Amino acid sequence: MDTEAQHTERDRSSETEERSRSARISGPGRSRWSWRRTGVLGGVCVLFLLLLSHFVLQPFLIPSRSMEPTLQVGDRILVNKLAYRFGDQPRRGDVVVFDGTGSFLQEVPEENPVTGLLHGTAAALGLAEPAETDFVKRVVGVGGDRVVCCDANGRLTVNGTPVEEWYVQLGDAPSKVPFDIVVPQGTLWVMGDHRSQSSDSRDHLGQPGGGVVPVEQVIGRADWIGWPFGRWSGVPETGAFEGVPAPAAGGHG
């Protein structure tokens, strides 16, 4: 008997059986399970990101030039939703994101519920522009402050103290619209850094709410620029308001 030929036959038979078993294991059923598992894992990841965005840290896409040079069109900032959650209050100089309903917008734009849900989800992940009711501005005055523009040297003053606004877009005046306002308690006076391109508290002085934003409408503080990678950094803090005194009794500085 040719034992070598017999062994060769067995080897070939084993290889064929192994290939057949591998084909069964990696067949259509396993492929479907793999896709299903990938889909479930993807859904869990999206749910986690949505919860993180809702309660802790929300990406926010900058859609306009109103905060240049600090924030540029296309920047994705990370909004710290815990910044004012435990009793801390917005301070002068903070860059905040807020819901402008009732202050900057008197009527909420109507939209299709399904479209609104999809857009809201994409916006919460920083993949789409924010809702039309959301704004990003810099806090210039807090409750009780007297904010005036401009003094004899063309500077904005808070409680009688001139503020050197180095963060304002080069070439912009502090404001071409004169104003003199005492900020009501529990509200904020906010302005964009690119004053000639920003619709802010100045533009809503004659409307209900007087242009100020209730503190409870603040969504969070813009702390970081997360995208693009070339601009990855913290949002610069400013010492421009360090010399501003607390408002006098009655809110007049």
C-alpha atoms as a PDB file:
ATOM      1  CA  MET A   1       0.000   0.000   0.000  1.00  0.00           C
ATOM      2  CA  ASP A   2       1.248   3.491  -0.847  1.00  0.00           C
ATOM      3  CA  THR A   3       1.076   5.076   2.624  1.00  0.00           C
ATOM      4  CA  GLU A   4       2.502   8.400   1.390  1.00  0.00           C
ATOM      5  CA  ALA A   5      -0.340   8.805  -1.108  1.00  0.00           C
ATOM      6  CA  GLN A   6      -2.808   7.890   1.626  1.00  0.00           C
ATOM      7  CA  HIS A   7      -1.460  10.608   3.933  1.00  0.00           C
ATOM      8  CA  THR A   8      -1.618  13.106   1.091  1.00  0.00           C
ATOM      9  CA  GLU A   9      -5.265  12.228   0.509  1.00  0.00           C
ATOM     10  CA  ARG A  10      -6.037  12.750   4.202  1.00  0.00           C
ATOM     11  CA  ASP A  11      -4.214  16.081   4.270  1.00  0.00           C
ATOM     12  CA  ARG A  12      -6.166  17.337   1.274  1.00  0.00           C
ATOM     13  CA  SER A  13      -9.411  16.120   2.835  1.00  0.00           C
ATOM     14  CA  SER A  14      -8.610  17.958   6.105  1.00  0.00           C
ATOM     15  CA  GLU A  15      -7.817  21.175   4.259  1.00  0.00           C
ATOM     16  CA  THR A  16     -11.070  20.964   2.315  1.00  0.00           C
ATOM     17  CA  GLU A  17     -13.073  20.347   5.495  1.00  0.00           C
ATOM     18  CA  GLU A  18     -11.341  23.265   7.276  1.00  0.00           C
ATOM     19  CA  ARG A  19     -12.102  25.650   4.393  1.00  0.00           C
ATOM     20  CA  SER A  20     -15.719  24.501   4.426  1.00  0.00           C
ATOM     21  CA  ARG A  21     -15.966  25.110   8.198  1.00  0.00           C
ATOM     22  CA  SER A  22     -14.397  28.576   7.835  1.00  0.00           C
ATOM     23  CA  ALA A  23     -16.845  29.432   5.078  1.00  0.00           C
ATOM     24  CA  ARG A  24     -19.778  28.456   7.319  1.00  0.00           C
ATOM     25  CA  ILE A  25     -18.443  30.486  10.250  1.00  0.00           C
ATOM     26  CA  SER A  26     -17.788  33.621   8.181  1.00  0.00           C
ATOM     27  CA  GLY A  27     -20.893  33.278   6.043  1.00  0.00           C
ATOM     28  CA  PRO A  28     -23.863  35.694   5.644  1.00  0.00           C
ATOM     29  CA  GLY A  29     -25.226  35.050   9.169  1.00  0.00           C
ATOM     30  CA  ARG A  30     -21.998  36.133  10.838  1.00  0.00           C
ATOM     31  CA  SER A  31     -21.815  39.177   8.554  1.00  0.00           C
ATOM     32  CA  ARG A  32     -25.313  40.226   9.573  1.00  0.00           C
ATOM     33  CA  TRP A  33     -24.431  39.803  13.255  1.00  0.00           C
ATOM     34  CA  SER A  34     -21.269  41.846  12.808  1.00  0.00           C
ATOM     35  CA  TRP A  35     -23.196  44.722  11.198  1.00  0.00           C
ATOM     36  CA  ARG A  36     -25.858  44.524  13.904  1.00  0.00           C
ATOM     37  CA  ARG A  37     -23.240  44.682  16.649  1.00  0.00           C
ATOM     38  CA  THR A  38     -21.531  47.613  14.928  1.00  0.00           C
ATOM     39  CA  GLY A  39     -24.881  49.422  14.654  1.00  0.00           C
ATOM     40  CA  VAL A  40     -25.668  48.881  18.346  1.00  0.00           C
ATOM     41  CA  LEU A  41     -22.194  50.067  19.361  1.00  0.00           C
ATOM     42  CA  GLY A  42     -22.568  53.149  17.147  1.00  0.00           C
ATOM     43  CA  GLY A  43     -25.977  53.915  18.668  1.00  0.00           C
ATOM     44  CA  VAL A  44     -24.592  53.635  22.201  1.00  0.00           C
ATOM     45  CA  CYS A  45     -21.732  55.996  21.313  1.00  0.00           C
ATOM     46  CA  VAL A  46     -24.132  58.580  19.831  1.00  0.00           C
ATOM     47  CA  LEU A  47     -26.392  58.323  22.899  1.00  0.00           C
ATOM     48  CA  PHE A  48     -23.402  58.836  25.201  1.00  0.00           C
ATOM     49  CA  LEU A  49     -22.273  61.895  23.218  1.00  0.00           C
ATOM     50  CA  LEU A  50     -25.798  63.359  23.282  1.00  0.00           C
ATOM     51  CA  LEU A  51     -26.026  62.920  27.056  1.00  0.00           C
ATOM     52  CA  LEU A  52     -22.559  64.453  27.484  1.00  0.00           C
ATOM     53  CA  SER A  53     -23.577  67.340  25.228  1.00  0.00           C
ATOM     54  CA  HIS A  54     -26.848  67.905  27.066  1.00  0.00           C
ATOM     55  CA  PHE A  55     -25.467  67.910  30.596  1.00  0.00           C
ATOM     56  CA  VAL A  56     -21.717  68.584  30.562  1.00  0.00           C
ATOM     57  CA  LEU A  57     -19.908  69.731  27.426  1.00  0.00           C
ATOM     58  CA  GLN A  58     -21.621  70.818  24.214  1.00  0.00           C
ATOM     59  CA  PRO A  59     -19.878  71.402  20.884  1.00  0.00           C
ATOM     60  CA  PHE A  60     -21.074  74.627  19.265  1.00  0.00           C
ATOM     61  CA  LEU A  61     -20.360  75.602  15.655  1.00  0.00           C
ATOM     62  CA  ILE A  62     -19.569  79.295  15.126  1.00  0.00           C
ATOM     63  CA  PRO A  63     -21.729  80.418  12.170  1.00  0.00           C
ATOM     64  CA  SER A  64     -20.850  84.125  11.849  1.00  0.00           C
ATOM     65  CA  ARG A  65     -18.098  86.732  12.187  1.00  0.00           C
ATOM     66  CA  SER A  66     -19.647  88.442  15.218  1.00  0.00           C
ATOM     67  CA  MET A  67     -16.975  87.199  17.662  1.00  0.00           C
ATOM     68  CA  GLU A  68     -13.857  87.751  15.545  1.00  0.00           C
ATOM     69  CA  PRO A  69     -10.964  87.701  16.176  1.00  0.00           C
ATOM     70  CA  THR A  70     -11.566  85.564  19.287  1.00  0.00           C
ATOM     71  CA  LEU A  71     -13.777  83.056  17.450  1.00  0.00           C
ATOM     72  CA  GLN A  72     -13.832  82.534  13.703  1.00  0.00           C
ATOM     73  CA  VAL A  73     -16.416  81.152  11.300  1.00  0.00           C
ATOM     74  CA  GLY A  74     -16.223  77.358  11.343  1.00  0.00           C
ATOM     75  CA  ASP A  75     -14.670  77.102  14.808  1.00  0.00           C
ATOM     76  CA  ARG A  76     -16.202  74.429  16.979  1.00  0.00           C
ATOM     77  CA  ILE A  77     -16.096  75.563  20.558  1.00  0.00           C
ATOM     78  CA  LEU A  78     -16.743  73.406  23.610  1.00  0.00           C
ATOM     79  CA  VAL A  79     -19.320  74.963  25.920  1.00  0.00           C
ATOM     80  CA  ASN A  80     -18.888  74.159  29.599  1.00  0.00           C
ATOM     81  CA  LYS A  81     -22.425  73.585  30.901  1.00  0.00           C
ATOM     82  CA  LEU A  82     -21.226  73.056  34.467  1.00  0.00           C
ATOM     83  CA  ALA A  83     -19.548  76.484  34.700  1.00  0.00           C
ATOM     84  CA  TYR A  84     -22.602  78.151  36.269  1.00  0.00           C
ATOM     85  CA  ARG A  85     -24.410  75.051  37.530  1.00  0.00           C
ATOM     86  CA  PHE A  86     -23.277  75.163  41.172  1.00  0.00           C
ATOM     87  CA  GLY A  87     -23.930  78.748  42.194  1.00  0.00           C
ATOM     88  CA  ASP A  88     -21.220  80.511  40.173  1.00  0.00           C
ATOM     89  CA  GLN A  89     -22.421  83.411  38.017  1.00  0.00           C
ATOM     90  CA  PRO A  90     -21.280  84.752  34.631  1.00  0.00           C
ATOM     91  CA  ARG A  91     -18.583  87.375  35.029  1.00  0.00           C
ATOM     92  CA  ARG A  92     -17.589  90.361  32.935  1.00  0.00           C
ATOM     93  CA  GLY A  93     -15.375  89.148  30.105  1.00  0.00           C
ATOM     94  CA  ASP A  94     -16.807  85.625  29.935  1.00  0.00           C
ATOM     95  CA  VAL A  95     -17.754  84.357  26.472  1.00  0.00           C
ATOM     96  CA  VAL A  96     -21.144  82.705  26.893  1.00  0.00           C
ATOM     97  CA  VAL A  97     -23.665  80.810  24.793  1.00  0.00           C
ATOM     98  CA  PHE A  98     -27.288  81.615  25.601  1.00  0.00           C
ATOM     99  CA  ASP A  99     -30.839  81.096  24.453  1.00  0.00           C
ATOM    100  CA  GLY A 100     -31.996  84.451  23.071  1.00  0.00           C
ATOM    101  CA  THR A 101     -35.720  83.650  23.238  1.00  0.00           C
ATOM    102  CA  GLY A 102     -37.475  86.605  24.846  1.00  0.00           C
ATOM    103  CA  SER A 103     -34.433  88.874  24.676  1.00  0.00           C
ATOM    104  CA  PHE A 104     -32.869  88.763  21.204  1.00  0.00           C
ATOM    105  CA  LEU A 105     -35.832  86.949  19.646  1.00  0.00           C
ATOM    106  CA  GLN A 106     -39.427  87.665  20.585  1.00  0.00           C
ATOM    107  CA  GLU A 107     -40.854  84.818  18.496  1.00  0.00           C
ATOM    108  CA  VAL A 108     -39.369  81.376  18.060  1.00  0.00           C
ATOM    109  CA  PRO A 109     -39.180  80.420  14.339  1.00  0.00           C
ATOM    110  CA  GLU A 110     -41.495  77.537  13.435  1.00  0.00           C
ATOM    111  CA  GLU A 111     -39.958  74.409  11.945  1.00  0.00           C
ATOM    112  CA  ASN A 112     -40.913  70.889  10.957  1.00  0.00           C
ATOM    113  CA  PRO A 113     -40.684  68.649  14.091  1.00  0.00           C
ATOM    114  CA  VAL A 114     -38.749  65.886  12.295  1.00  0.00           C
ATOM    115  CA  THR A 115     -36.365  68.336  10.642  1.00  0.00           C
ATOM    116  CA  GLY A 116     -35.977  70.146  13.949  1.00  0.00           C
ATOM    117  CA  LEU A 117     -35.103  66.912  15.773  1.00  0.00           C
ATOM    118  CA  LEU A 118     -32.498  65.923  13.185  1.00  0.00           C
ATOM    119  CA  HIS A 119     -31.002  69.410  13.129  1.00  0.00           C
ATOM    120  CA  GLY A 120     -30.987  69.573  16.927  1.00  0.00           C
ATOM    121  CA  THR A 121     -29.148  66.259  17.150  1.00  0.00           C
ATOM    122  CA  ALA A 122     -26.570  67.357  14.571  1.00  0.00           C
ATOM    123  CA  ALA A 123     -26.134  70.728  16.314  1.00  0.00           C
ATOM    124  CA  ALA A 124     -25.680  69.021  19.689  1.00  0.00           C
ATOM    125  CA  LEU A 125     -22.793  67.043  18.186  1.00  0.00           C
ATOM    126  CA  GLY A 126     -21.283  70.162  16.590  1.00  0.00           C
ATOM    127  CA  LEU A 127     -22.051  68.936  13.071  1.00  0.00           C
ATOM    128  CA  ALA A 128     -24.538  71.671  12.130  1.00  0.00           C
ATOM    129  CA  GLU A 129     -25.121  75.332  12.849  1.00  0.00           C
ATOM    130  CA  PRO A 130     -26.767  76.017  16.222  1.00  0.00           C
ATOM    131  CA  ALA A 131     -30.479  76.718  16.571  1.00  0.00           C
ATOM    132  CA  GLU A 132     -31.588  80.182  15.477  1.00  0.00           C
ATOM    133  CA  THR A 133     -32.336  80.961  19.116  1.00  0.00           C
ATOM    134  CA  ASP A 134     -28.759  80.303  20.334  1.00  0.00           C
ATOM    135  CA  PHE A 135     -26.141  83.052  20.418  1.00  0.00           C
ATOM    136  CA  VAL A 136     -22.532  83.454  21.523  1.00  0.00           C
ATOM    137  CA  LYS A 137     -21.378  86.827  22.925  1.00  0.00           C
ATOM    138  CA  ARG A 138     -19.081  88.344  25.536  1.00  0.00           C
ATOM    139  CA  VAL A 139     -20.443  89.514  28.892  1.00  0.00           C
ATOM    140  CA  VAL A 140     -19.715  93.239  29.265  1.00  0.00           C
ATOM    141  CA  GLY A 141     -22.030  94.105  32.149  1.00  0.00           C
ATOM    142  CA  VAL A 142     -23.651  92.114  34.967  1.00  0.00           C
ATOM    143  CA  GLY A 143     -26.583  92.971  37.217  1.00  0.00           C
ATOM    144  CA  GLY A 144     -26.254  96.464  38.728  1.00  0.00           C
ATOM    145  CA  ASP A 145     -23.504  97.635  36.351  1.00  0.00           C
ATOM    146  CA  ARG A 146     -23.792 100.924  34.533  1.00  0.00           C
ATOM    147  CA  VAL A 147     -22.441 100.426  31.019  1.00  0.00           C
ATOM    148  CA  VAL A 148     -21.836 103.534  28.910  1.00  0.00           C
ATOM    149  CA  CYS A 149     -20.439 104.155  25.470  1.00  0.00           C
ATOM    150  CA  CYS A 150     -18.585 106.094  24.783  1.00  0.00           C
ATOM    151  CA  ASP A 151     -16.497 108.431  26.970  1.00  0.00           C
ATOM    152  CA  ALA A 152     -14.568 111.466  25.716  1.00  0.00           C
ATOM    153  CA  ASN A 153     -11.766 109.187  24.504  1.00  0.00           C
ATOM    154  CA  GLY A 154     -14.140 106.834  22.649  1.00  0.00           C
ATOM    155  CA  ARG A 155     -13.897 104.046  25.234  1.00  0.00           C
ATOM    156  CA  LEU A 156     -16.598 101.907  26.780  1.00  0.00           C
ATOM    157  CA  THR A 157     -16.943 102.410  30.537  1.00  0.00           C
ATOM    158  CA  VAL A 158     -18.359 100.152  33.236  1.00  0.00           C
ATOM    159  CA  ASN A 159     -19.250 101.774  36.558  1.00  0.00           C
ATOM    160  CA  GLY A 160     -17.320 104.848  35.471  1.00  0.00           C
ATOM    161  CA  THR A 161     -14.105 102.944  34.681  1.00  0.00           C
ATOM    162  CA  PRO A 162     -12.794 102.901  31.089  1.00  0.00           C
ATOM    163  CA  VAL A 163     -12.259  99.404  29.708  1.00  0.00           C
ATOM    164  CA  GLU A 164      -9.362  98.706  27.345  1.00  0.00           C
ATOM    165  CA  GLU A 165     -11.015  96.163  25.070  1.00  0.00           C
ATOM    166  CA  TRP A 166      -7.972  94.606  23.405  1.00  0.00           C
ATOM    167  CA  TYR A 167     -10.136  91.671  22.232  1.00  0.00           C
ATOM    168  CA  VAL A 168     -12.264  93.869  19.906  1.00  0.00           C
ATOM    169  CA  GLN A 169     -11.677  93.409  16.175  1.00  0.00           C
ATOM    170  CA  LEU A 170      -8.898  95.692  14.945  1.00  0.00           C
ATOM    171  CA  GLY A 171     -10.355  98.832  13.367  1.00  0.00           C
ATOM    172  CA  ASP A 172     -13.737  98.555  15.107  1.00  0.00           C
ATOM    173  CA  ALA A 173     -14.986 101.270  17.441  1.00  0.00           C
ATOM    174  CA  PRO A 174     -16.284 100.077  20.837  1.00  0.00           C
ATOM    175  CA  SER A 175     -19.712 101.081  19.535  1.00  0.00           C
ATOM    176  CA  LYS A 176     -21.034 103.416  16.870  1.00  0.00           C
ATOM    177  CA  VAL A 177     -24.352 103.409  18.696  1.00  0.00           C
ATOM    178  CA  PRO A 178     -24.222 105.451  21.926  1.00  0.00           C
ATOM    179  CA  PHE A 179     -25.898 103.943  24.978  1.00  0.00           C
ATOM    180  CA  ASP A 180     -26.117 104.402  28.718  1.00  0.00           C
ATOM    181  CA  ILE A 181     -27.764 101.551  30.612  1.00  0.00           C
ATOM    182  CA  VAL A 182     -27.959 100.192  34.132  1.00  0.00           C
ATOM    183  CA  VAL A 183     -28.130  96.402  33.818  1.00  0.00           C
ATOM    184  CA  PRO A 184     -31.074  94.973  35.812  1.00  0.00           C
ATOM    185  CA  GLN A 185     -30.262  92.411  38.491  1.00  0.00           C
ATOM    186  CA  GLY A 186     -30.277  88.836  37.225  1.00  0.00           C
ATOM    187  CA  THR A 187     -29.442  89.863  33.660  1.00  0.00           C
ATOM    188  CA  LEU A 188     -26.402  90.434  31.442  1.00  0.00           C
ATOM    189  CA  TRP A 189     -25.370  93.047  28.889  1.00  0.00           C
ATOM    190  CA  VAL A 190     -23.590  91.179  26.083  1.00  0.00           C
ATOM    191  CA  MET A 191     -21.683  92.294  22.984  1.00  0.00           C
ATOM    192  CA  GLY A 192     -19.778  90.660  20.130  1.00  0.00           C
ATOM    193  CA  ASP A 193     -16.040  91.228  19.718  1.00  0.00           C
ATOM    194  CA  HIS A 194     -16.497  92.211  16.064  1.00  0.00           C
ATOM    195  CA  ARG A 195     -18.648  95.198  16.931  1.00  0.00           C
ATOM    196  CA  SER A 196     -19.422  96.256  13.351  1.00  0.00           C
ATOM    197  CA  GLN A 197     -20.614  92.708  12.505  1.00  0.00           C
ATOM    198  CA  SER A 198     -22.435  91.853  15.718  1.00  0.00           C
ATOM    199  CA  SER A 199     -26.133  92.090  16.480  1.00  0.00           C
ATOM    200  CA  ASP A 200     -26.118  92.204  20.277  1.00  0.00           C
ATOM    201  CA  SER A 201     -27.612  93.980  23.291  1.00  0.00           C
ATOM    202  CA  ARG A 202     -27.258  97.353  21.565  1.00  0.00           C
ATOM    203  CA  ASP A 203     -29.633  96.315  18.782  1.00  0.00           C
ATOM    204  CA  HIS A 204     -32.440  95.328  21.151  1.00  0.00           C
ATOM    205  CA  LEU A 205     -32.535  98.326  23.479  1.00  0.00           C
ATOM    206  CA  GLY A 206     -35.967  99.464  22.314  1.00  0.00           C
ATOM    207  CA  GLN A 207     -37.511  95.995  22.346  1.00  0.00           C
ATOM    208  CA  PRO A 208     -39.186  94.021  25.150  1.00  0.00           C
ATOM    209  CA  GLY A 209     -36.427  92.880  27.479  1.00  0.00           C
ATOM    210  CA  GLY A 210     -34.323  95.961  26.737  1.00  0.00           C
ATOM    211  CA  GLY A 211     -31.478  94.003  25.143  1.00  0.00           C
ATOM    212  CA  VAL A 212     -30.348  92.285  28.335  1.00  0.00           C
ATOM    213  CA  VAL A 213     -30.192  88.495  28.691  1.00  0.00           C
ATOM    214  CA  PRO A 214     -31.582  86.733  31.792  1.00  0.00           C
ATOM    215  CA  VAL A 215     -28.871  84.728  33.556  1.00  0.00           C
ATOM    216  CA  GLU A 216     -31.100  81.630  33.534  1.00  0.00           C
ATOM    217  CA  GLN A 217     -31.032  81.690  29.719  1.00  0.00           C
ATOM    218  CA  VAL A 218     -27.259  81.120  29.680  1.00  0.00           C
ATOM    219  CA  ILE A 219     -26.448  77.639  28.354  1.00  0.00           C
ATOM    220  CA  GLY A 220     -22.801  77.669  29.375  1.00  0.00           C
ATOM    221  CA  ARG A 221     -19.381  79.269  29.041  1.00  0.00           C
ATOM    222  CA  ALA A 222     -17.216  78.853  25.953  1.00  0.00           C
ATOM    223  CA  ASP A 223     -13.979  77.454  27.375  1.00  0.00           C
ATOM    224  CA  TRP A 224     -12.175  75.738  24.475  1.00  0.00           C
ATOM    225  CA  ILE A 225     -11.784  75.813  20.708  1.00  0.00           C
ATOM    226  CA  GLY A 226     -11.795  72.138  19.737  1.00  0.00           C
ATOM    227  CA  TRP A 227     -11.728  72.368  15.937  1.00  0.00           C
ATOM    228  CA  PRO A 228      -9.998  72.887  13.556  1.00  0.00           C
ATOM    229  CA  PHE A 229      -6.894  71.302  15.057  1.00  0.00           C
ATOM    230  CA  GLY A 230      -4.792  74.259  14.013  1.00  0.00           C
ATOM    231  CA  ARG A 231      -6.814  76.489  16.359  1.00  0.00           C
ATOM    232  CA  TRP A 232      -7.046  74.040  19.235  1.00  0.00           C
ATOM    233  CA  SER A 233      -6.732  76.136  22.405  1.00  0.00           C
ATOM    234  CA  GLY A 234      -8.616  77.569  25.328  1.00  0.00           C
ATOM    235  CA  VAL A 235     -10.791  80.610  24.696  1.00  0.00           C
ATOM    236  CA  PRO A 236      -8.494  83.448  25.857  1.00  0.00           C
ATOM    237  CA  GLU A 237      -9.419  85.031  29.159  1.00  0.00           C
ATOM    238  CA  THR A 238      -9.310  88.805  29.460  1.00  0.00           C
ATOM    239  CA  GLY A 239      -8.126  91.012  32.280  1.00  0.00           C
ATOM    240  CA  ALA A 240      -9.848  94.040  30.746  1.00  0.00           C
ATOM    241  CA  PHE A 241     -12.425  94.245  33.544  1.00  0.00           C
ATOM    242  CA  GLU A 242     -10.110  93.696  36.514  1.00  0.00           C
ATOM    243  CA  GLY A 243     -10.108  97.374  37.465  1.00  0.00           C
ATOM    244  CA  VAL A 244     -13.890  97.748  37.291  1.00  0.00           C
ATOM    245  CA  PRO A 245     -15.392  98.370  40.758  1.00  0.00           C
ATOM    246  CA  ALA A 246     -18.572  96.773  42.015  1.00  0.00           C
ATOM    247  CA  PRO A 247     -21.664  98.817  41.203  1.00  0.00           C
ATOM    248  CA  ALA A 248     -22.660 101.391  43.751  1.00  0.00           C
ATOM    249  CA  ALA A 249     -25.859 100.944  45.753  1.00  0.00           C
ATOM    250  CA  GLY A 250     -28.812 101.365  43.434  1.00  0.00           C
ATOM    251  CA  GLY A 251     -26.765 100.157  40.475  1.00  0.00           C
ATOM    252  CA  HIS A 252     -25.206 103.477  39.484  1.00  0.00           C
ATOM    253  CA  GLY A 253     -21.448 103.574  39.094  1.00  0.00           C
END
